[in-house]
Amino acid sequence: MATSNVKEIGKGNTEVKPAHNTWEVMKPFMHFGLKATGVIASALITIVKNIPKPGKHKQPEYKNDKVIKI
């Protein structure tokens, strides 16, 4: 019988190989960071655009050029 060639389930190679490619490891975090930065930037731009200008709410000055006939 060939008992020396029998493999048991769960008795495989348990060593964890370290990832040598840093970009492959950090890629999801970079994508998340860039998208989050874009969302924050667009929110800030929207907020700044909606801030009223200082002279926008002034009352218009009326001219007293009316002619009153008696």
C-alpha atoms as a PDB file:
ATOM      1  CA  MET A   1       0.000   0.000   0.000  1.00  0.00           C
ATOM      2  CA  ALA A   2       0.997   3.576  -0.596  1.00  0.00           C
ATOM      3  CA  THR A   3       0.481   5.032   2.876  1.00  0.00           C
ATOM      4  CA  SER A   4       3.350   7.503   2.557  1.00  0.00           C
ATOM      5  CA  ASN A   5       1.562   9.427  -0.241  1.00  0.00           C
ATOM      6  CA  VAL A   6      -1.704   9.960   1.682  1.00  0.00           C
ATOM      7  CA  LYS A   7      -2.459  13.642   2.410  1.00  0.00           C
ATOM      8  CA  GLU A   8      -4.682  14.599   5.293  1.00  0.00           C
ATOM      9  CA  ILE A   9      -7.161  17.475   4.975  1.00  0.00           C
ATOM     10  CA  GLY A  10      -6.102  20.482   7.007  1.00  0.00           C
ATOM     11  CA  LYS A  11      -2.490  19.441   7.350  1.00  0.00           C
ATOM     12  CA  GLY A  12      -1.223  21.606   4.511  1.00  0.00           C
ATOM     13  CA  ASN A  13       1.352  24.340   4.508  1.00  0.00           C
ATOM     14  CA  THR A  14       0.494  26.714   7.373  1.00  0.00           C
ATOM     15  CA  GLU A  15       3.234  29.248   6.697  1.00  0.00           C
ATOM     16  CA  VAL A  16       2.029  32.731   5.727  1.00  0.00           C
ATOM     17  CA  LYS A  17       4.024  34.227   2.920  1.00  0.00           C
ATOM     18  CA  PRO A  18       4.669  37.953   3.383  1.00  0.00           C
ATOM     19  CA  ALA A  19       3.509  40.205   0.575  1.00  0.00           C
ATOM     20  CA  HIS A  20       6.543  41.643  -1.163  1.00  0.00           C
ATOM     21  CA  ASN A  21       4.635  44.085  -3.325  1.00  0.00           C
ATOM     22  CA  THR A  22       3.688  47.078  -1.178  1.00  0.00           C
ATOM     23  CA  TRP A  23       1.408  48.571  -3.837  1.00  0.00           C
ATOM     24  CA  GLU A  24      -0.807  45.482  -3.944  1.00  0.00           C
ATOM     25  CA  VAL A  25      -1.200  45.630  -0.178  1.00  0.00           C
ATOM     26  CA  MET A  26      -1.860  49.378   0.066  1.00  0.00           C
ATOM     27  CA  LYS A  27      -3.967  49.754  -3.095  1.00  0.00           C
ATOM     28  CA  PRO A  28      -7.414  49.452  -1.406  1.00  0.00           C
ATOM     29  CA  PHE A  29      -6.418  51.939   1.282  1.00  0.00           C
ATOM     30  CA  MET A  30      -5.121  54.401  -1.301  1.00  0.00           C
ATOM     31  CA  HIS A  31      -8.335  54.175  -3.333  1.00  0.00           C
ATOM     32  CA  PHE A  32     -10.431  54.723  -0.210  1.00  0.00           C
ATOM     33  CA  GLY A  33      -8.277  57.677   0.870  1.00  0.00           C
ATOM     34  CA  LEU A  34      -8.449  59.361  -2.518  1.00  0.00           C
ATOM     35  CA  LYS A  35     -12.206  58.930  -2.812  1.00  0.00           C
ATOM     36  CA  ALA A  36     -12.754  60.166   0.748  1.00  0.00           C
ATOM     37  CA  THR A  37     -10.581  63.213   0.050  1.00  0.00           C
ATOM     38  CA  GLY A  38     -12.634  63.931  -3.078  1.00  0.00           C
ATOM     39  CA  VAL A  39     -15.906  63.733  -1.142  1.00  0.00           C
ATOM     40  CA  ILE A  40     -14.602  66.067   1.563  1.00  0.00           C
ATOM     41  CA  ALA A  41     -13.261  68.527  -1.022  1.00  0.00           C
ATOM     42  CA  SER A  42     -16.533  68.634  -2.954  1.00  0.00           C
ATOM     43  CA  ALA A  43     -18.474  69.174   0.285  1.00  0.00           C
ATOM     44  CA  LEU A  44     -16.194  72.061   1.266  1.00  0.00           C
ATOM     45  CA  ILE A  45     -16.507  73.643  -2.186  1.00  0.00           C
ATOM     46  CA  THR A  46     -20.305  73.412  -1.979  1.00  0.00           C
ATOM     47  CA  ILE A  47     -20.322  74.984   1.475  1.00  0.00           C
ATOM     48  CA  VAL A  48     -18.037  77.836   0.435  1.00  0.00           C
ATOM     49  CA  LYS A  49     -20.117  78.539  -2.687  1.00  0.00           C
ATOM     50  CA  ASN A  50     -23.307  78.778  -0.610  1.00  0.00           C
ATOM     51  CA  ILE A  51     -21.924  81.309   1.876  1.00  0.00           C
ATOM     52  CA  PRO A  52     -23.576  84.660   1.116  1.00  0.00           C
ATOM     53  CA  LYS A  53     -21.381  87.515  -0.027  1.00  0.00           C
ATOM     54  CA  PRO A  54     -20.997  90.459   2.406  1.00  0.00           C
ATOM     55  CA  GLY A  55     -22.722  93.067   0.202  1.00  0.00           C
ATOM     56  CA  LYS A  56     -25.447  90.816  -1.116  1.00  0.00           C
ATOM     57  CA  HIS A  57     -28.068  91.528   1.555  1.00  0.00           C
ATOM     58  CA  LYS A  58     -27.817  95.331   1.628  1.00  0.00           C
ATOM     59  CA  GLN A  59     -30.962  97.299   1.017  1.00  0.00           C
ATOM     60  CA  PRO A  60     -30.907  99.158  -2.299  1.00  0.00           C
ATOM     61  CA  GLU A  61     -30.729 102.917  -1.884  1.00  0.00           C
ATOM     62  CA  TYR A  62     -33.794 104.633  -3.233  1.00  0.00           C
ATOM     63  CA  LYS A  63     -33.427 107.760  -5.277  1.00  0.00           C
ATOM     64  CA  ASN A  64     -35.519 110.757  -4.304  1.00  0.00           C
ATOM     65  CA  ASP A  65     -36.014 111.984  -7.848  1.00  0.00           C
ATOM     66  CA  LYS A  66     -39.790 111.802  -7.642  1.00  0.00           C
ATOM     67  CA  VAL A  67     -41.696 114.843  -8.739  1.00  0.00           C
ATOM     68  CA  ILE A  68     -44.673 115.631  -6.595  1.00  0.00           C
ATOM     69  CA  LYS A  69     -47.364 117.735  -8.328  1.00  0.00           C
ATOM     70  CA  ILE A  70     -49.789 119.708  -6.221  1.00  0.00           C
END
